[in-house]
Amino acid sequence: PHALAHALVSLGRRLRGLHDRGLAEVPSTRLLIAAARLVASGISVQQACYAAIVSPLSDEPSLVAAMRDLVDATFV
């Protein structure tokens, strides 16, 4: 759906803002599409974002927490 695509793009922009705070890689379009495909397969949008976007980008606890917070704020 259009609304999901728009929200994922918004999330991607927000996550790219973490680059200045130590995030080595920013979310690519490919990661956003992977999250959308997981949602289309029936996984909740938050779990899809955690799996397809957050996990591949970092394993550093403070960055993971910040990214999860952004996911939760985007998909309330």
N, C-alpha and C. Protein backbone atom coordinates (compact mmCIF):
# COMPACT_ATOMS: atom_id res chain seq x y z
N PRO A 1 0.82 -1.21 0.00
CA PRO A 1 0.00 0.00 0.00
C PRO A 1 0.85 1.27 0.00
N HIS A 2 0.30 2.30 -0.57
CA HIS A 2 0.99 3.58 -0.68
C HIS A 2 1.38 4.12 0.69
N ALA A 3 0.51 4.00 1.67
CA ALA A 3 0.79 4.53 3.01
C ALA A 3 2.00 3.82 3.63
N LEU A 4 2.11 2.53 3.43
CA LEU A 4 3.26 1.79 3.96
C LEU A 4 4.54 2.25 3.28
N ALA A 5 4.50 2.38 1.97
CA ALA A 5 5.68 2.84 1.23
C ALA A 5 6.11 4.22 1.72
N HIS A 6 5.16 5.10 1.90
CA HIS A 6 5.47 6.45 2.37
C HIS A 6 6.09 6.40 3.77
N ALA A 7 5.54 5.58 4.65
CA ALA A 7 6.06 5.47 6.02
C ALA A 7 7.47 4.87 6.02
N LEU A 8 7.72 3.89 5.17
CA LEU A 8 9.05 3.29 5.10
C LEU A 8 10.09 4.30 4.58
N VAL A 9 9.71 5.11 3.61
CA VAL A 9 10.61 6.15 3.11
C VAL A 9 10.89 7.16 4.22
N SER A 10 9.87 7.53 4.95
CA SER A 10 10.04 8.45 6.07
C SER A 10 10.98 7.85 7.12
N LEU A 11 10.80 6.59 7.43
CA LEU A 11 11.68 5.91 8.38
C LEU A 11 13.11 5.91 7.86
N GLY A 12 13.29 5.61 6.59
CA GLY A 12 14.63 5.62 6.00
C GLY A 12 15.31 6.96 6.15
N ARG A 13 14.58 8.03 5.94
CA ARG A 13 15.14 9.37 6.10
C ARG A 13 15.53 9.62 7.56
N ARG A 14 14.67 9.21 8.47
CA ARG A 14 14.98 9.40 9.89
C ARG A 14 16.22 8.60 10.29
N LEU A 15 16.30 7.37 9.83
CA LEU A 15 17.45 6.53 10.17
C LEU A 15 18.74 7.07 9.56
N ARG A 16 18.66 7.68 8.40
CA ARG A 16 19.86 8.27 7.79
C ARG A 16 20.42 9.39 8.65
N GLY A 17 19.57 10.00 9.46
CA GLY A 17 20.03 11.03 10.40
C GLY A 17 20.95 10.48 11.47
N LEU A 18 20.93 9.18 11.69
CA LEU A 18 21.81 8.57 12.69
C LEU A 18 23.23 8.38 12.18
N HIS A 19 23.45 8.66 10.91
CA HIS A 19 24.80 8.53 10.34
C HIS A 19 25.77 9.41 11.12
N ASP A 20 25.33 10.59 11.52
CA ASP A 20 26.17 11.51 12.29
C ASP A 20 26.42 11.03 13.71
N ARG A 21 25.67 10.04 14.14
CA ARG A 21 25.80 9.53 15.51
C ARG A 21 26.46 8.16 15.57
N GLY A 22 27.14 7.79 14.51
CA GLY A 22 27.91 6.56 14.53
C GLY A 22 27.41 5.43 13.68
N LEU A 23 26.30 5.61 13.01
CA LEU A 23 25.79 4.55 12.14
C LEU A 23 26.65 4.51 10.88
N ALA A 24 27.36 3.41 10.69
CA ALA A 24 28.31 3.30 9.58
C ALA A 24 27.62 3.27 8.22
N GLU A 25 26.52 2.53 8.13
CA GLU A 25 25.77 2.41 6.88
C GLU A 25 24.37 2.92 7.11
N VAL A 26 23.82 3.56 6.13
CA VAL A 26 22.44 4.03 6.22
C VAL A 26 21.54 3.04 5.49
N PRO A 27 20.25 3.04 5.80
CA PRO A 27 19.36 2.07 5.15
C PRO A 27 19.24 2.32 3.65
N SER A 28 19.44 1.29 2.90
CA SER A 28 19.33 1.38 1.45
C SER A 28 17.88 1.14 1.02
N THR A 29 17.61 1.47 -0.21
CA THR A 29 16.30 1.18 -0.79
C THR A 29 16.03 -0.31 -0.73
N ARG A 30 17.05 -1.11 -0.94
CA ARG A 30 16.91 -2.57 -0.90
C ARG A 30 16.40 -3.05 0.47
N LEU A 31 16.93 -2.46 1.55
CA LEU A 31 16.47 -2.85 2.89
C LEU A 31 15.03 -2.43 3.11
N LEU A 32 14.65 -1.26 2.62
CA LEU A 32 13.26 -0.81 2.76
C LEU A 32 12.31 -1.73 2.00
N ILE A 33 12.73 -2.16 0.82
CA ILE A 33 11.92 -3.08 0.04
C ILE A 33 11.81 -4.44 0.73
N ALA A 34 12.90 -4.88 1.33
CA ALA A 34 12.87 -6.15 2.06
C ALA A 34 11.87 -6.08 3.20
N ALA A 35 11.83 -4.96 3.91
CA ALA A 35 10.86 -4.79 5.00
C ALA A 35 9.44 -4.82 4.44
N ALA A 36 9.21 -4.15 3.33
CA ALA A 36 7.87 -4.13 2.73
C ALA A 36 7.44 -5.54 2.30
N ARG A 37 8.37 -6.32 1.79
CA ARG A 37 8.04 -7.69 1.38
C ARG A 37 7.69 -8.56 2.59
N LEU A 38 8.39 -8.34 3.70
CA LEU A 38 8.06 -9.09 4.91
C LEU A 38 6.66 -8.73 5.40
N VAL A 39 6.33 -7.44 5.34
CA VAL A 39 4.98 -7.01 5.74
C VAL A 39 3.94 -7.65 4.82
N ALA A 40 4.22 -7.67 3.53
CA ALA A 40 3.29 -8.27 2.57
C ALA A 40 3.10 -9.76 2.82
N SER A 41 4.11 -10.40 3.42
CA SER A 41 3.99 -11.83 3.71
C SER A 41 3.26 -12.11 5.02
N GLY A 42 2.91 -11.04 5.75
CA GLY A 42 2.12 -11.22 6.95
C GLY A 42 2.81 -10.88 8.26
N ILE A 43 4.05 -10.48 8.20
CA ILE A 43 4.78 -10.09 9.43
C ILE A 43 4.38 -8.66 9.80
N SER A 44 4.30 -8.38 11.09
CA SER A 44 3.95 -7.02 11.51
C SER A 44 5.00 -6.05 11.00
N VAL A 45 4.58 -4.83 10.76
CA VAL A 45 5.49 -3.83 10.18
C VAL A 45 6.68 -3.56 11.11
N GLN A 46 6.46 -3.52 12.40
CA GLN A 46 7.57 -3.26 13.31
C GLN A 46 8.56 -4.43 13.30
N GLN A 47 8.08 -5.66 13.37
CA GLN A 47 8.97 -6.81 13.33
C GLN A 47 9.71 -6.88 11.99
N ALA A 48 9.04 -6.54 10.91
CA ALA A 48 9.68 -6.53 9.60
C ALA A 48 10.81 -5.50 9.55
N CYS A 49 10.58 -4.35 10.12
CA CYS A 49 11.61 -3.31 10.14
C CYS A 49 12.78 -3.70 11.02
N TYR A 50 12.50 -4.32 12.16
CA TYR A 50 13.58 -4.78 13.03
C TYR A 50 14.45 -5.79 12.28
N ALA A 51 13.81 -6.73 11.59
CA ALA A 51 14.54 -7.80 10.92
C ALA A 51 15.25 -7.34 9.65
N ALA A 52 14.58 -6.55 8.84
CA ALA A 52 15.12 -6.21 7.52
C ALA A 52 15.94 -4.93 7.50
N ILE A 53 15.74 -4.05 8.47
CA ILE A 53 16.44 -2.76 8.45
C ILE A 53 17.38 -2.62 9.64
N VAL A 54 16.86 -2.77 10.84
CA VAL A 54 17.66 -2.51 12.04
C VAL A 54 18.79 -3.53 12.19
N SER A 55 18.46 -4.80 12.15
CA SER A 55 19.46 -5.85 12.38
C SER A 55 20.64 -5.80 11.41
N PRO A 56 20.40 -5.59 10.11
CA PRO A 56 21.54 -5.55 9.19
C PRO A 56 22.45 -4.33 9.36
N LEU A 57 21.93 -3.26 9.96
CA LEU A 57 22.71 -2.02 10.02
C LEU A 57 23.67 -1.93 11.19
N SER A 58 23.34 -2.54 12.30
CA SER A 58 24.22 -2.42 13.47
C SER A 58 23.88 -3.47 14.51
N ASP A 59 24.90 -3.79 15.30
CA ASP A 59 24.67 -4.63 16.46
C ASP A 59 25.08 -3.90 17.74
N GLU A 60 25.42 -2.63 17.59
CA GLU A 60 25.81 -1.80 18.74
C GLU A 60 24.54 -1.43 19.51
N PRO A 61 24.46 -1.79 20.79
CA PRO A 61 23.21 -1.66 21.55
C PRO A 61 22.57 -0.27 21.54
N SER A 62 23.34 0.78 21.66
CA SER A 62 22.72 2.11 21.70
C SER A 62 22.15 2.51 20.33
N LEU A 63 22.83 2.13 19.26
CA LEU A 63 22.31 2.43 17.92
C LEU A 63 21.08 1.58 17.61
N VAL A 64 21.12 0.32 18.00
CA VAL A 64 19.96 -0.55 17.79
C VAL A 64 18.76 0.01 18.55
N ALA A 65 18.97 0.43 19.78
CA ALA A 65 17.89 1.00 20.57
C ALA A 65 17.34 2.26 19.92
N ALA A 66 18.22 3.11 19.41
CA ALA A 66 17.77 4.34 18.75
C ALA A 66 16.98 4.03 17.49
N MET A 67 17.45 3.05 16.71
CA MET A 67 16.73 2.68 15.49
C MET A 67 15.38 2.06 15.81
N ARG A 68 15.34 1.22 16.83
CA ARG A 68 14.06 0.61 17.23
C ARG A 68 13.08 1.69 17.70
N ASP A 69 13.59 2.68 18.41
CA ASP A 69 12.73 3.80 18.84
C ASP A 69 12.15 4.53 17.64
N LEU A 70 12.97 4.74 16.61
CA LEU A 70 12.48 5.41 15.40
C LEU A 70 11.44 4.56 14.68
N VAL A 71 11.66 3.26 14.63
CA VAL A 71 10.67 2.37 14.03
C VAL A 71 9.36 2.47 14.80
N ASP A 72 9.46 2.38 16.12
CA ASP A 72 8.24 2.44 16.94
C ASP A 72 7.52 3.78 16.81
N ALA A 73 8.27 4.88 16.71
CA ALA A 73 7.66 6.19 16.55
C ALA A 73 7.00 6.35 15.18
N THR A 74 7.57 5.71 14.17
CA THR A 74 7.01 5.81 12.82
C THR A 74 5.76 4.98 12.67
N PHE A 75 5.74 3.81 13.31
CA PHE A 75 4.61 2.88 13.17
C PHE A 75 3.91 2.70 14.51
N VAL A 76 3.29 3.74 14.98
CA VAL A 76 2.59 3.72 16.27
C VAL A 76 1.32 2.92 16.15
